């Protein structure tokens, strides 16, 4: 299990998240992505991107006041 902190990318984390899922995560691995949410559209968009990439969204949790965590299985 690997944790990827994408908070520094603000609302531009989507491309990096897909790049990680496609290039760095092996089949069967679980990854944790941490990103910052301005509005809640980022949550739905990230869930949609995970599904489109052929992975499974296992969990989606508000981490604190501004950060969100998703757990993904490839």
N, C-alpha and C. Protein backbone atom coordinates (compact mmCIF):
# COMPACT_ATOMS: atom_id res chain seq x y z
N UNK A 1 0.85 -1.16 0.00
CA UNK A 1 0.00 0.00 0.00
C UNK A 1 0.90 1.23 0.00
N UNK A 2 0.59 2.15 -0.92
CA UNK A 2 1.38 3.37 -1.04
C UNK A 2 0.47 4.57 -0.94
N UNK A 3 0.94 5.59 -0.25
CA UNK A 3 0.18 6.84 -0.08
C UNK A 3 0.78 7.89 -0.99
N UNK A 4 -0.09 8.57 -1.73
CA UNK A 4 0.33 9.64 -2.63
C UNK A 4 -0.32 10.94 -2.19
N UNK A 5 0.49 11.91 -1.81
CA UNK A 5 -0.01 13.20 -1.37
C UNK A 5 -0.05 14.14 -2.58
N UNK A 6 -1.24 14.45 -3.03
CA UNK A 6 -1.42 15.30 -4.20
C UNK A 6 -1.97 16.69 -3.82
N UNK A 7 -1.93 17.00 -2.54
CA UNK A 7 -2.50 18.28 -2.07
C UNK A 7 -1.81 19.49 -2.69
N UNK A 8 -0.53 19.39 -2.95
CA UNK A 8 0.21 20.52 -3.51
C UNK A 8 -0.26 20.88 -4.92
N UNK A 9 -0.98 19.98 -5.57
CA UNK A 9 -1.46 20.23 -6.93
C UNK A 9 -2.80 20.96 -6.96
N UNK A 10 -3.40 21.19 -5.79
CA UNK A 10 -4.71 21.85 -5.66
C UNK A 10 -5.74 21.14 -6.55
N UNK A 11 -6.44 21.87 -7.43
CA UNK A 11 -7.48 21.29 -8.28
C UNK A 11 -6.93 20.61 -9.53
N UNK A 12 -5.63 20.57 -9.68
CA UNK A 12 -5.00 20.00 -10.87
C UNK A 12 -4.38 18.63 -10.60
N UNK A 13 -4.97 17.85 -9.73
CA UNK A 13 -4.38 16.56 -9.33
C UNK A 13 -4.84 15.39 -10.20
N UNK A 14 -5.86 15.58 -11.01
CA UNK A 14 -6.46 14.47 -11.75
C UNK A 14 -5.48 13.76 -12.68
N UNK A 15 -4.76 14.53 -13.48
CA UNK A 15 -3.81 13.93 -14.43
C UNK A 15 -2.74 13.13 -13.71
N UNK A 16 -2.24 13.68 -12.61
CA UNK A 16 -1.19 12.98 -11.86
C UNK A 16 -1.74 11.70 -11.22
N UNK A 17 -2.97 11.74 -10.72
CA UNK A 17 -3.56 10.55 -10.12
C UNK A 17 -3.70 9.44 -11.17
N UNK A 18 -4.18 9.76 -12.35
CA UNK A 18 -4.32 8.76 -13.41
C UNK A 18 -2.96 8.26 -13.86
N UNK A 19 -1.99 9.16 -13.95
CA UNK A 19 -0.62 8.75 -14.32
C UNK A 19 -0.07 7.74 -13.32
N UNK A 20 -0.28 7.99 -12.04
CA UNK A 20 0.18 7.07 -10.99
C UNK A 20 -0.52 5.73 -11.13
N UNK A 21 -1.84 5.76 -11.30
CA UNK A 21 -2.60 4.51 -11.42
C UNK A 21 -2.16 3.70 -12.64
N UNK A 22 -1.89 4.38 -13.74
CA UNK A 22 -1.51 3.68 -14.96
C UNK A 22 -0.06 3.21 -14.96
N UNK A 23 0.86 4.00 -14.38
CA UNK A 23 2.28 3.73 -14.54
C UNK A 23 2.99 3.18 -13.29
N UNK A 24 2.49 3.49 -12.11
CA UNK A 24 3.23 3.16 -10.90
C UNK A 24 2.59 2.06 -10.05
N UNK A 25 1.28 1.94 -10.12
CA UNK A 25 0.57 0.98 -9.28
C UNK A 25 0.42 -0.34 -10.04
N UNK A 26 0.78 -1.42 -9.36
CA UNK A 26 0.68 -2.76 -9.97
C UNK A 26 -0.71 -3.35 -9.73
N UNK A 27 -1.11 -4.26 -10.57
CA UNK A 27 -2.40 -4.94 -10.42
C UNK A 27 -2.50 -5.57 -9.03
N UNK A 28 -3.63 -5.36 -8.39
CA UNK A 28 -3.86 -5.92 -7.06
C UNK A 28 -3.41 -5.03 -5.92
N UNK A 29 -2.64 -3.99 -6.22
CA UNK A 29 -2.15 -3.08 -5.18
C UNK A 29 -3.22 -2.09 -4.76
N UNK A 30 -3.09 -1.64 -3.53
CA UNK A 30 -3.97 -0.62 -2.98
C UNK A 30 -3.17 0.67 -2.83
N UNK A 31 -3.78 1.77 -3.25
CA UNK A 31 -3.13 3.08 -3.16
C UNK A 31 -4.05 4.05 -2.43
N UNK A 32 -3.45 4.94 -1.69
CA UNK A 32 -4.19 5.98 -0.98
C UNK A 32 -3.79 7.31 -1.59
N UNK A 33 -4.80 8.08 -2.02
CA UNK A 33 -4.56 9.40 -2.59
C UNK A 33 -5.14 10.45 -1.67
N UNK A 34 -4.33 11.44 -1.37
CA UNK A 34 -4.74 12.55 -0.53
C UNK A 34 -4.75 13.80 -1.39
N UNK A 35 -5.88 14.49 -1.44
CA UNK A 35 -5.97 15.70 -2.23
C UNK A 35 -6.81 16.75 -1.51
N UNK A 36 -6.66 17.98 -1.93
CA UNK A 36 -7.37 19.09 -1.32
C UNK A 36 -8.67 19.33 -2.08
N UNK A 37 -9.74 19.56 -1.33
CA UNK A 37 -11.03 19.85 -1.97
C UNK A 37 -11.43 21.29 -1.74
N UNK A 38 -11.69 21.99 -2.84
CA UNK A 38 -12.25 23.33 -2.74
C UNK A 38 -13.76 23.20 -2.64
N UNK A 39 -14.34 22.66 -3.70
CA UNK A 39 -15.75 22.27 -3.66
C UNK A 39 -15.82 20.76 -3.86
N UNK A 40 -16.97 20.22 -3.75
CA UNK A 40 -17.09 18.77 -3.74
C UNK A 40 -17.10 18.13 -5.13
N UNK A 41 -16.95 18.91 -6.19
CA UNK A 41 -16.90 18.31 -7.52
C UNK A 41 -15.65 17.45 -7.69
N UNK A 42 -14.59 17.78 -6.99
CA UNK A 42 -13.35 16.99 -7.08
C UNK A 42 -13.56 15.56 -6.60
N UNK A 43 -14.45 15.38 -5.66
CA UNK A 43 -14.70 14.04 -5.11
C UNK A 43 -15.38 13.16 -6.15
N UNK A 44 -16.42 13.67 -6.77
CA UNK A 44 -17.12 12.89 -7.78
C UNK A 44 -16.24 12.67 -9.00
N UNK A 45 -15.50 13.70 -9.41
CA UNK A 45 -14.63 13.55 -10.58
C UNK A 45 -13.54 12.52 -10.33
N UNK A 46 -12.96 12.52 -9.14
CA UNK A 46 -11.92 11.53 -8.83
C UNK A 46 -12.52 10.12 -8.82
N UNK A 47 -13.73 9.96 -8.30
CA UNK A 47 -14.38 8.65 -8.31
C UNK A 47 -14.66 8.18 -9.74
N UNK A 48 -15.09 9.10 -10.58
CA UNK A 48 -15.34 8.76 -11.98
C UNK A 48 -14.06 8.36 -12.70
N UNK A 49 -12.98 9.08 -12.44
CA UNK A 49 -11.69 8.77 -13.07
C UNK A 49 -11.17 7.40 -12.63
N UNK A 50 -11.35 7.08 -11.37
CA UNK A 50 -10.93 5.77 -10.86
C UNK A 50 -11.69 4.67 -11.59
N UNK A 51 -12.99 4.84 -11.72
CA UNK A 51 -13.81 3.83 -12.41
C UNK A 51 -13.40 3.71 -13.87
N UNK A 52 -13.20 4.85 -14.55
CA UNK A 52 -12.80 4.85 -15.95
C UNK A 52 -11.44 4.17 -16.17
N UNK A 53 -10.58 4.23 -15.17
CA UNK A 53 -9.25 3.63 -15.30
C UNK A 53 -9.28 2.12 -15.04
N UNK A 54 -10.45 1.59 -14.69
CA UNK A 54 -10.58 0.16 -14.46
C UNK A 54 -10.22 -0.27 -13.05
N UNK A 55 -10.10 0.69 -12.15
CA UNK A 55 -9.76 0.39 -10.76
C UNK A 55 -11.02 0.43 -9.91
N UNK A 56 -10.87 0.03 -8.66
CA UNK A 56 -12.00 0.00 -7.72
C UNK A 56 -11.79 1.02 -6.62
N UNK A 57 -12.78 1.89 -6.43
CA UNK A 57 -12.75 2.85 -5.34
C UNK A 57 -13.24 2.13 -4.09
N UNK A 58 -12.34 1.96 -3.13
CA UNK A 58 -12.67 1.18 -1.94
C UNK A 58 -13.19 2.06 -0.80
N UNK A 59 -12.74 3.32 -0.76
CA UNK A 59 -13.14 4.20 0.33
C UNK A 59 -12.91 5.64 -0.09
N UNK A 60 -13.74 6.52 0.43
CA UNK A 60 -13.62 7.95 0.18
C UNK A 60 -13.99 8.66 1.47
N UNK A 61 -13.03 9.35 2.08
CA UNK A 61 -13.21 9.88 3.42
C UNK A 61 -12.68 11.31 3.52
N UNK A 62 -13.43 12.14 4.20
CA UNK A 62 -12.94 13.48 4.51
C UNK A 62 -11.86 13.35 5.58
N UNK A 63 -10.67 13.84 5.28
CA UNK A 63 -9.53 13.66 6.17
C UNK A 63 -9.50 14.73 7.26
N UNK A 64 -9.76 15.95 6.87
CA UNK A 64 -9.86 17.07 7.81
C UNK A 64 -10.71 18.15 7.13
N UNK A 65 -10.57 19.39 7.51
CA UNK A 65 -11.44 20.44 6.96
C UNK A 65 -11.27 20.66 5.47
N UNK A 66 -10.10 20.45 4.91
CA UNK A 66 -9.87 20.75 3.49
C UNK A 66 -9.33 19.57 2.68
N UNK A 67 -8.98 18.50 3.31
CA UNK A 67 -8.35 17.39 2.60
C UNK A 67 -9.28 16.18 2.51
N UNK A 68 -9.14 15.44 1.42
CA UNK A 68 -9.94 14.26 1.17
C UNK A 68 -9.01 13.09 0.86
N UNK A 69 -9.39 11.92 1.27
CA UNK A 69 -8.60 10.71 1.03
C UNK A 69 -9.46 9.69 0.29
N UNK A 70 -8.89 9.11 -0.77
CA UNK A 70 -9.56 7.99 -1.42
C UNK A 70 -8.61 6.79 -1.42
N UNK A 71 -9.19 5.63 -1.28
CA UNK A 71 -8.44 4.38 -1.30
C UNK A 71 -8.85 3.63 -2.56
N UNK A 72 -7.86 3.26 -3.36
CA UNK A 72 -8.12 2.67 -4.67
C UNK A 72 -7.38 1.35 -4.80
N UNK A 73 -8.07 0.34 -5.35
CA UNK A 73 -7.43 -0.94 -5.65
C UNK A 73 -7.36 -1.09 -7.16
N UNK A 74 -6.16 -1.39 -7.64
CA UNK A 74 -6.00 -1.58 -9.08
C UNK A 74 -6.28 -3.01 -9.45
